[in-house]
Amino acid sequence: MLRFEDQEAREVAYTTLENVLYKGEIRDMFTKTQTYNDNTQLTGATLKKMILDRLPMKILEQMHTVNSMGKSDKEMIEIISNAG
């Protein structure tokens, strides 16, 4: 089946996704991230980097007590949620 996409909508969603920041509520950040990622469809290392780059150092430090390397996107989000 041929898939048609609105490339402009995807680019707008990507730009908006890049601007999602942590503002004290990790679940709010993930809700917004997932909403915009529905159109951009980022996965794996790209999505993880985008999320990790926006987290405060305190959460990153808490995450390092758990080995997060090699985890799936879902597992990584759960680790971050527990740390936040």
N, C-alpha and C. Protein backbone atom coordinates (compact mmCIF):
# COMPACT_ATOMS: atom_id res chain seq x y z
N MET A 1 0.83 -1.17 0.00
CA MET A 1 0.00 0.00 0.00
C MET A 1 0.89 1.25 0.00
N LEU A 2 0.59 2.20 -0.83
CA LEU A 2 1.33 3.44 -0.92
C LEU A 2 0.92 4.36 0.21
N ARG A 3 1.90 4.93 0.87
CA ARG A 3 1.61 5.78 2.02
C ARG A 3 1.85 7.24 1.64
N PHE A 4 0.85 8.06 1.85
CA PHE A 4 0.96 9.49 1.57
C PHE A 4 1.16 10.23 2.87
N GLU A 5 2.14 11.12 2.89
CA GLU A 5 2.41 11.90 4.09
C GLU A 5 2.42 13.38 3.75
N ASP A 6 2.04 14.17 4.72
CA ASP A 6 2.12 15.61 4.59
C ASP A 6 3.49 16.02 5.16
N GLN A 7 4.46 16.20 4.28
CA GLN A 7 5.82 16.49 4.71
C GLN A 7 5.91 17.79 5.50
N GLU A 8 5.14 18.78 5.10
CA GLU A 8 5.16 20.05 5.82
C GLU A 8 4.65 19.87 7.25
N ALA A 9 3.59 19.11 7.42
CA ALA A 9 3.06 18.85 8.76
C ALA A 9 4.09 18.10 9.61
N ARG A 10 4.81 17.19 8.98
CA ARG A 10 5.83 16.43 9.70
C ARG A 10 6.97 17.35 10.14
N GLU A 11 7.37 18.27 9.27
CA GLU A 11 8.44 19.21 9.61
C GLU A 11 8.02 20.17 10.73
N VAL A 12 6.77 20.62 10.69
CA VAL A 12 6.25 21.49 11.75
C VAL A 12 6.23 20.73 13.08
N ALA A 13 5.77 19.48 13.04
CA ALA A 13 5.73 18.66 14.26
C ALA A 13 7.15 18.43 14.79
N TYR A 14 8.11 18.21 13.91
CA TYR A 14 9.50 17.99 14.33
C TYR A 14 10.05 19.24 15.01
N THR A 15 9.81 20.39 14.42
CA THR A 15 10.28 21.65 15.00
C THR A 15 9.64 21.86 16.37
N THR A 16 8.35 21.58 16.47
CA THR A 16 7.65 21.72 17.75
C THR A 16 8.20 20.72 18.76
N LEU A 17 8.46 19.50 18.32
CA LEU A 17 9.02 18.46 19.19
C LEU A 17 10.38 18.89 19.73
N GLU A 18 11.18 19.52 18.90
CA GLU A 18 12.49 20.00 19.34
C GLU A 18 12.37 21.04 20.45
N ASN A 19 11.25 21.73 20.51
CA ASN A 19 11.05 22.80 21.50
C ASN A 19 10.34 22.34 22.76
N VAL A 20 10.02 21.06 22.87
CA VAL A 20 9.39 20.55 24.10
C VAL A 20 10.47 20.49 25.18
N LEU A 21 10.23 21.18 26.27
CA LEU A 21 11.20 21.25 27.35
C LEU A 21 10.63 20.68 28.64
N TYR A 22 11.51 20.25 29.51
CA TYR A 22 11.12 19.81 30.84
C TYR A 22 10.83 21.05 31.68
N LYS A 23 9.63 21.12 32.22
CA LYS A 23 9.24 22.28 33.03
C LYS A 23 8.74 21.85 34.41
N GLY A 24 9.39 20.82 34.96
CA GLY A 24 9.04 20.39 36.30
C GLY A 24 8.14 19.16 36.38
N GLU A 25 7.50 18.80 35.27
CA GLU A 25 6.61 17.64 35.24
C GLU A 25 7.03 16.71 34.10
N ILE A 26 7.63 15.60 34.44
CA ILE A 26 8.14 14.68 33.43
C ILE A 26 7.01 14.09 32.59
N ARG A 27 5.89 13.80 33.21
CA ARG A 27 4.77 13.21 32.45
C ARG A 27 4.20 14.21 31.44
N ASP A 28 4.19 15.48 31.80
CA ASP A 28 3.74 16.51 30.87
C ASP A 28 4.69 16.57 29.67
N MET A 29 5.98 16.49 29.94
CA MET A 29 6.97 16.50 28.86
C MET A 29 6.76 15.30 27.93
N PHE A 30 6.54 14.13 28.51
CA PHE A 30 6.35 12.92 27.69
C PHE A 30 5.03 12.96 26.92
N THR A 31 4.00 13.53 27.50
CA THR A 31 2.72 13.65 26.79
C THR A 31 2.90 14.53 25.55
N LYS A 32 3.55 15.66 25.73
CA LYS A 32 3.80 16.56 24.60
C LYS A 32 4.73 15.90 23.58
N THR A 33 5.76 15.23 24.07
CA THR A 33 6.70 14.55 23.17
C THR A 33 5.97 13.52 22.32
N GLN A 34 5.13 12.71 22.95
CA GLN A 34 4.40 11.67 22.21
C GLN A 34 3.42 12.28 21.22
N THR A 35 2.76 13.35 21.62
CA THR A 35 1.80 14.01 20.73
C THR A 35 2.47 14.46 19.44
N TYR A 36 3.60 15.14 19.56
CA TYR A 36 4.28 15.63 18.36
C TYR A 36 5.03 14.51 17.64
N ASN A 37 5.46 13.51 18.39
CA ASN A 37 6.18 12.40 17.76
C ASN A 37 5.24 11.49 16.97
N ASP A 38 3.95 11.58 17.20
CA ASP A 38 3.00 10.81 16.39
C ASP A 38 3.15 11.16 14.91
N ASN A 39 3.49 12.42 14.62
CA ASN A 39 3.69 12.85 13.24
C ASN A 39 5.13 12.68 12.78
N THR A 40 6.09 12.90 13.66
CA THR A 40 7.49 12.81 13.23
C THR A 40 7.98 11.37 13.20
N GLN A 41 7.46 10.53 14.10
CA GLN A 41 7.77 9.10 14.16
C GLN A 41 9.24 8.81 14.41
N LEU A 42 9.86 9.60 15.30
CA LEU A 42 11.24 9.32 15.70
C LEU A 42 11.26 8.11 16.61
N THR A 43 12.33 7.32 16.53
CA THR A 43 12.50 6.16 17.40
C THR A 43 13.97 6.02 17.76
N GLY A 44 14.25 5.06 18.62
CA GLY A 44 15.62 4.68 18.93
C GLY A 44 16.49 5.80 19.43
N ALA A 45 17.75 5.78 18.98
CA ALA A 45 18.76 6.71 19.47
C ALA A 45 18.38 8.17 19.24
N THR A 46 17.75 8.47 18.13
CA THR A 46 17.37 9.86 17.83
C THR A 46 16.37 10.38 18.85
N LEU A 47 15.34 9.59 19.13
CA LEU A 47 14.33 9.99 20.11
C LEU A 47 14.94 10.07 21.51
N LYS A 48 15.75 9.09 21.88
CA LYS A 48 16.37 9.10 23.21
C LYS A 48 17.25 10.32 23.40
N LYS A 49 18.05 10.66 22.38
CA LYS A 49 18.92 11.83 22.48
C LYS A 49 18.10 13.10 22.64
N MET A 50 17.04 13.21 21.87
CA MET A 50 16.20 14.40 21.94
C MET A 50 15.61 14.56 23.35
N ILE A 51 15.18 13.46 23.94
CA ILE A 51 14.60 13.50 25.29
C ILE A 51 15.68 13.80 26.33
N LEU A 52 16.78 13.06 26.27
CA LEU A 52 17.83 13.22 27.27
C LEU A 52 18.45 14.61 27.25
N ASP A 53 18.56 15.21 26.08
CA ASP A 53 19.14 16.56 25.97
C ASP A 53 18.30 17.61 26.67
N ARG A 54 17.04 17.31 26.96
CA ARG A 54 16.15 18.30 27.55
C ARG A 54 15.90 18.08 29.05
N LEU A 55 16.51 17.05 29.60
CA LEU A 55 16.29 16.76 31.02
C LEU A 55 17.29 17.49 31.90
N PRO A 56 16.86 17.89 33.10
CA PRO A 56 17.79 18.54 34.02
C PRO A 56 18.81 17.53 34.56
N MET A 57 19.95 18.05 34.96
CA MET A 57 21.05 17.21 35.44
C MET A 57 20.62 16.32 36.60
N LYS A 58 19.77 16.80 37.48
CA LYS A 58 19.35 16.00 38.64
C LYS A 58 18.67 14.70 38.20
N ILE A 59 17.81 14.77 37.20
CA ILE A 59 17.15 13.56 36.71
C ILE A 59 18.17 12.66 36.02
N LEU A 60 19.06 13.24 35.25
CA LEU A 60 20.09 12.44 34.58
C LEU A 60 20.96 11.70 35.60
N GLU A 61 21.29 12.37 36.69
CA GLU A 61 22.09 11.73 37.73
C GLU A 61 21.33 10.56 38.36
N GLN A 62 20.04 10.73 38.60
CA GLN A 62 19.23 9.65 39.18
C GLN A 62 19.14 8.48 38.20
N MET A 63 19.09 8.78 36.92
CA MET A 63 18.99 7.72 35.91
C MET A 63 20.25 6.88 35.85
N HIS A 64 21.40 7.48 36.14
CA HIS A 64 22.65 6.75 36.02
C HIS A 64 22.79 5.65 37.06
N THR A 65 21.92 5.64 38.06
CA THR A 65 21.93 4.54 39.02
C THR A 65 21.32 3.29 38.40
N VAL A 66 20.62 3.47 37.27
CA VAL A 66 20.03 2.35 36.52
C VAL A 66 20.73 2.29 35.18
N ASN A 67 21.11 1.12 34.75
CA ASN A 67 21.76 0.99 33.45
C ASN A 67 20.71 1.18 32.36
N SER A 68 20.79 2.30 31.66
CA SER A 68 19.80 2.61 30.63
C SER A 68 20.28 2.30 29.22
N MET A 69 21.49 1.81 29.09
CA MET A 69 22.03 1.49 27.77
C MET A 69 21.33 0.26 27.19
N GLY A 70 21.02 0.31 25.92
CA GLY A 70 20.42 -0.83 25.24
C GLY A 70 18.95 -1.04 25.53
N LYS A 71 18.32 -0.09 26.20
CA LYS A 71 16.90 -0.23 26.52
C LYS A 71 16.05 0.21 25.33
N SER A 72 14.85 -0.32 25.26
CA SER A 72 13.91 0.08 24.22
C SER A 72 13.40 1.49 24.54
N ASP A 73 12.73 2.10 23.57
CA ASP A 73 12.16 3.44 23.80
C ASP A 73 11.23 3.42 25.00
N LYS A 74 10.38 2.41 25.07
CA LYS A 74 9.40 2.30 26.16
C LYS A 74 10.11 2.13 27.51
N GLU A 75 11.14 1.28 27.55
CA GLU A 75 11.88 1.08 28.79
C GLU A 75 12.61 2.36 29.22
N MET A 76 13.15 3.07 28.24
CA MET A 76 13.85 4.32 28.54
C MET A 76 12.90 5.35 29.13
N ILE A 77 11.70 5.47 28.56
CA ILE A 77 10.72 6.40 29.06
C ILE A 77 10.31 6.04 30.49
N GLU A 78 10.20 4.75 30.78
CA GLU A 78 9.85 4.30 32.13
C GLU A 78 10.98 4.65 33.11
N ILE A 79 12.22 4.46 32.72
CA ILE A 79 13.36 4.80 33.58
C ILE A 79 13.36 6.30 33.88
N ILE A 80 13.16 7.12 32.86
CA ILE A 80 13.15 8.56 33.04
C ILE A 80 11.97 8.97 33.92
N SER A 81 10.81 8.36 33.69
CA SER A 81 9.62 8.69 34.50
C SER A 81 9.87 8.38 35.97
N ASN A 82 10.50 7.25 36.23
CA ASN A 82 10.77 6.88 37.62
C ASN A 82 11.80 7.82 38.25
N ALA A 83 12.75 8.29 37.46
CA ALA A 83 13.77 9.22 37.97
C ALA A 83 13.18 10.60 38.20
N GLY A 84 12.19 10.98 37.37
CA GLY A 84 11.61 12.33 37.44
C GLY A 84 10.51 12.39 38.42
